[in-house]
Protein backbone atom coordinates (compact mmCIF):
# COMPACT_ATOMS: atom_id res chain seq x y z
CA UNK A 1 109.63 8.56 30.58
CA UNK A 2 106.34 8.38 32.42
CA UNK A 3 105.65 9.77 35.87
CA UNK A 4 102.91 8.44 38.08
CA UNK A 5 101.03 11.10 39.98
CA UNK A 6 100.12 9.84 43.42
CA UNK A 7 97.43 11.11 45.75
CA UNK A 8 100.19 12.51 47.97
CA UNK A 9 101.58 14.52 45.04
CA UNK A 10 98.10 15.83 44.30
CA UNK A 11 97.51 16.88 47.90
CA UNK A 12 100.89 18.63 47.98
CA UNK A 13 100.13 20.47 44.75
CA UNK A 14 96.73 21.58 46.03
CA UNK A 15 98.32 22.67 49.30
CA UNK A 16 100.92 24.71 47.40
CA UNK A 17 98.20 26.38 45.33
CA UNK A 18 96.25 27.23 48.48
CA UNK A 19 99.36 28.71 50.12
CA UNK A 20 100.07 30.83 47.04
CA UNK A 21 96.51 32.13 46.97
CA UNK A 22 96.65 32.97 50.68
CA UNK A 23 99.92 34.82 50.19
CA UNK A 24 98.46 36.76 47.27
CA UNK A 25 95.41 37.63 49.37
CA UNK A 26 97.68 39.03 52.11
CA UNK A 27 99.36 41.39 49.65
CA UNK A 28 96.28 42.44 47.65
CA UNK A 29 94.13 45.44 48.50
CA UNK A 30 90.68 44.28 49.57
CA UNK A 31 87.92 45.86 47.49
CA UNK A 32 84.97 43.99 48.93
CA UNK A 33 83.64 46.91 50.96
CA UNK A 34 81.23 49.07 48.95
CA UNK A 35 81.07 52.84 49.59
CA UNK A 36 77.27 52.97 49.28
CA UNK A 37 76.80 50.20 51.83
CA UNK A 38 79.10 51.89 54.36
CA UNK A 39 77.27 55.18 53.79
CA UNK A 40 74.01 53.36 54.53
CA UNK A 41 75.36 52.24 57.90
CA UNK A 42 75.99 55.92 58.71
CA UNK A 43 72.30 56.54 58.10
CA UNK A 44 71.46 53.59 60.39
CA UNK A 45 73.44 55.29 63.17
CA UNK A 46 71.44 58.50 62.81
CA UNK A 47 68.15 56.58 62.80
CA UNK A 48 69.19 54.65 65.91
CA UNK A 49 70.12 57.89 67.66
CA UNK A 50 66.76 59.39 66.79
CA UNK A 51 65.00 56.26 68.06
CA UNK A 52 66.89 56.41 71.35
CA UNK A 53 66.14 60.12 71.75
CA UNK A 54 62.45 59.46 71.15
CA UNK A 55 61.93 56.30 73.19
CA UNK A 56 64.73 56.03 75.75
CA UNK A 57 64.76 59.25 77.74
CA UNK A 58 66.68 57.67 80.64
CA UNK A 59 69.02 54.96 79.32
CA UNK A 60 70.42 54.34 82.80
CA UNK A 61 67.12 52.85 83.94
CA UNK A 62 66.28 51.35 80.53
CA UNK A 63 69.57 49.67 79.69
CA UNK A 64 67.93 46.71 77.95
CA UNK A 65 66.12 49.02 75.52
CA UNK A 66 69.28 51.04 74.96
CA UNK A 67 71.26 47.90 74.20
CA UNK A 68 68.44 46.56 72.03
CA UNK A 69 68.53 49.64 69.80
CA UNK A 70 72.28 49.69 69.32
CA UNK A 71 72.86 45.94 69.12
CA UNK A 72 70.07 45.68 66.52
CA UNK A 73 71.66 48.51 64.56
CA UNK A 74 75.05 46.80 64.72
CA UNK A 75 73.62 43.48 63.56
CA UNK A 76 71.73 45.14 60.70
CA UNK A 77 74.85 47.02 59.62
CA UNK A 78 77.02 43.90 59.87
CA UNK A 79 74.50 41.81 57.94
CA UNK A 80 74.21 44.34 55.12
CA UNK A 81 77.97 44.85 54.96
CA UNK A 82 78.64 41.11 55.02
CA UNK A 83 76.15 40.32 52.26
CA UNK A 84 77.47 43.09 50.03
CA UNK A 85 81.07 42.14 50.81
CA UNK A 86 80.39 38.57 49.69
CA UNK A 87 78.79 39.51 46.36
CA UNK A 88 81.26 42.31 45.62
CA UNK A 89 84.27 40.13 46.42
CA UNK A 90 82.96 37.38 44.14
CA UNK A 91 82.72 39.91 41.33
CA UNK A 92 85.99 41.79 41.88
CA UNK A 93 88.37 39.23 43.40
CA UNK A 94 87.02 36.22 41.49
CA UNK A 95 88.94 33.05 42.38
CA UNK A 96 90.59 34.69 45.39
CA UNK A 97 87.31 35.89 46.88
CA UNK A 98 87.16 33.27 49.64
CA UNK A 99 90.67 34.09 50.83
CA UNK A 100 90.02 37.83 50.66
CA UNK A 101 86.75 37.57 52.59
CA UNK A 102 88.38 35.45 55.27
CA UNK A 103 91.21 37.96 55.56
CA UNK A 104 88.71 40.77 56.11
CA UNK A 105 86.80 38.80 58.74
CA UNK A 106 90.02 37.68 60.42
CA UNK A 107 91.10 41.29 60.98
CA UNK A 108 87.86 42.41 62.62
CA UNK A 109 86.97 39.25 64.54
CA UNK A 110 89.24 39.73 67.61
CA UNK A 111 88.08 43.30 68.31
CA UNK A 112 84.46 42.39 67.60
CA UNK A 113 84.62 39.43 69.96
CA UNK A 114 86.22 41.60 72.65
CA UNK A 115 83.44 44.18 72.30
CA UNK A 116 80.74 41.54 72.66
CA UNK A 117 82.35 39.94 75.70
CA UNK A 118 82.95 43.26 77.48
CA UNK A 119 79.32 44.23 76.86
CA UNK A 120 78.09 40.98 78.40
CA UNK A 121 80.37 41.32 81.42
CA UNK A 122 79.45 44.95 82.14
CA UNK A 123 75.74 44.31 81.73
CA UNK A 124 75.75 41.18 83.84
CA UNK A 125 78.25 42.05 86.57
CA UNK A 126 79.11 45.77 86.60
CA UNK A 127 75.94 47.68 85.63
CA UNK A 128 77.25 50.85 87.27
CA UNK A 129 79.98 50.99 84.60
CA UNK A 130 77.67 50.62 81.60
CA UNK A 131 78.23 54.27 80.72
CA UNK A 132 81.63 53.11 79.43
CA UNK A 133 80.03 51.08 76.62
CA UNK A 134 79.90 53.78 73.91
CA UNK A 135 83.59 54.52 74.41
CA UNK A 136 84.48 50.82 74.50
CA UNK A 137 82.49 50.08 71.34
CA UNK A 138 84.18 52.91 69.48
CA UNK A 139 87.58 51.84 70.77
CA UNK A 140 87.24 48.23 69.61
CA UNK A 141 85.90 49.47 66.26
CA UNK A 142 88.95 51.67 65.84
CA UNK A 143 91.21 48.70 66.60
CA UNK A 144 89.39 46.65 63.97
CA UNK A 145 89.97 49.37 61.39
CA UNK A 146 93.63 49.74 62.31
CA UNK A 147 94.07 45.96 61.97
CA UNK A 148 92.46 46.05 58.53
CA UNK A 149 94.45 49.01 57.22
CA UNK A 150 97.25 46.87 55.85
CA UNK A 151 95.03 45.68 53.00
CA UNK A 152 92.78 48.75 52.70
CA UNK A 153 93.53 52.19 51.24
CA UNK A 154 96.05 53.99 53.48
CA UNK A 155 93.76 56.99 54.16
CA UNK A 156 91.56 54.53 56.10
CA UNK A 157 93.91 55.26 59.02
CA UNK A 158 92.00 58.53 59.41
CA UNK A 159 88.80 56.60 60.13
CA UNK A 160 90.56 54.52 62.76
CA UNK A 161 91.97 57.67 64.33
CA UNK A 162 88.49 59.25 64.34
CA UNK A 163 86.95 56.34 66.24
CA UNK A 164 89.86 56.32 68.69
CA UNK A 165 89.36 60.05 69.33
CA UNK A 166 85.60 59.73 69.86
CA UNK A 167 86.16 56.75 72.16
CA UNK A 168 88.45 58.84 74.35
CA UNK A 169 85.95 61.70 74.37
CA UNK A 170 83.16 59.35 75.50
CA UNK A 171 85.30 57.94 78.29
CA UNK A 172 86.40 61.44 79.34
CA UNK A 173 82.76 62.37 80.02
CA UNK A 174 83.10 60.19 83.10
CA UNK A 175 79.41 59.54 83.72
CA UNK A 176 76.06 58.65 82.14
CA UNK A 177 76.33 61.53 79.67
CA UNK A 178 78.22 59.01 77.54
CA UNK A 179 74.89 57.19 77.06
CA UNK A 180 73.48 60.17 75.16
CA UNK A 181 72.06 59.11 71.78
CA UNK A 182 74.44 61.45 70.00
CA UNK A 183 77.49 60.00 71.78
CA UNK A 184 76.91 57.02 69.51
CA UNK A 185 75.11 58.61 66.57
CA UNK A 186 77.57 61.35 65.70
CA UNK A 187 80.77 59.24 65.96
CA UNK A 188 79.37 56.41 63.85
CA UNK A 189 77.60 58.62 61.33
CA UNK A 190 80.74 60.68 60.72
CA UNK A 191 83.06 57.67 60.96
CA UNK A 192 81.15 55.50 58.50
CA UNK A 193 80.76 58.44 56.13
CA UNK A 194 84.52 58.90 56.28
CA UNK A 195 85.06 55.20 55.55
CA UNK A 196 82.67 55.42 52.59
CA UNK A 197 84.45 58.52 51.25
CA UNK A 198 87.87 56.83 51.46
CA UNK A 199 86.56 53.75 49.63
CA UNK A 200 84.85 55.86 46.97
CA UNK A 201 87.97 57.94 46.35
CA UNK A 202 90.13 54.81 46.17
CA UNK A 203 87.78 53.10 43.69
CA UNK A 204 87.73 56.20 41.47
CA UNK A 205 91.54 56.28 41.49
CA UNK A 206 91.70 52.61 40.55
CA UNK A 207 89.24 53.11 37.68
CA UNK A 208 91.23 56.09 36.46
CA UNK A 209 94.48 54.10 36.54
CA UNK A 210 92.84 51.25 34.63
CA UNK A 211 91.52 53.64 31.97
CA UNK A 212 94.94 55.27 31.56
CA UNK A 213 96.62 51.90 31.21
């Protein structure tokens, strides 16, 4: 008995394969973030803080320069992390790399978009409230980490909690003291170092388990 495979059957089969891969991606721990890269972003935060301390003595009257320093740092960090995530995922997750990368982006995109939009609105329409930005940035970053925790090592919750705590501290300052260079530098340097440590510990555990098996 011969069966004729139609284009509809082929599309259905491909759709089923795609669905299976997506489901596997949702239940697989993402290993595309590299500890060294995340540690490098901690260094970027310290450098940015030093640059602000040296060149922006009054961020309230030099908001554009303040934003330029920190937005540039964020873009540099995101670019480095994204490039390394792509190459690392290709190597580790192989055929599922596209699904895994999209899952990682999907988790961070809402909070990242919210942070960008709030920054634009405050800068353009409520400049008196710009001192809230460090707290808002750290808050949306914590939400992005919490959203990603379901496919990252569980101790990553500590990093999300750290950014939530520092966000609340920045907001509690209640004035332009929140624009201090170290109100951004210390939270992100410590937070990204914590993220890097969690990833490093998790990768060492995975290697140890593989060697034992």
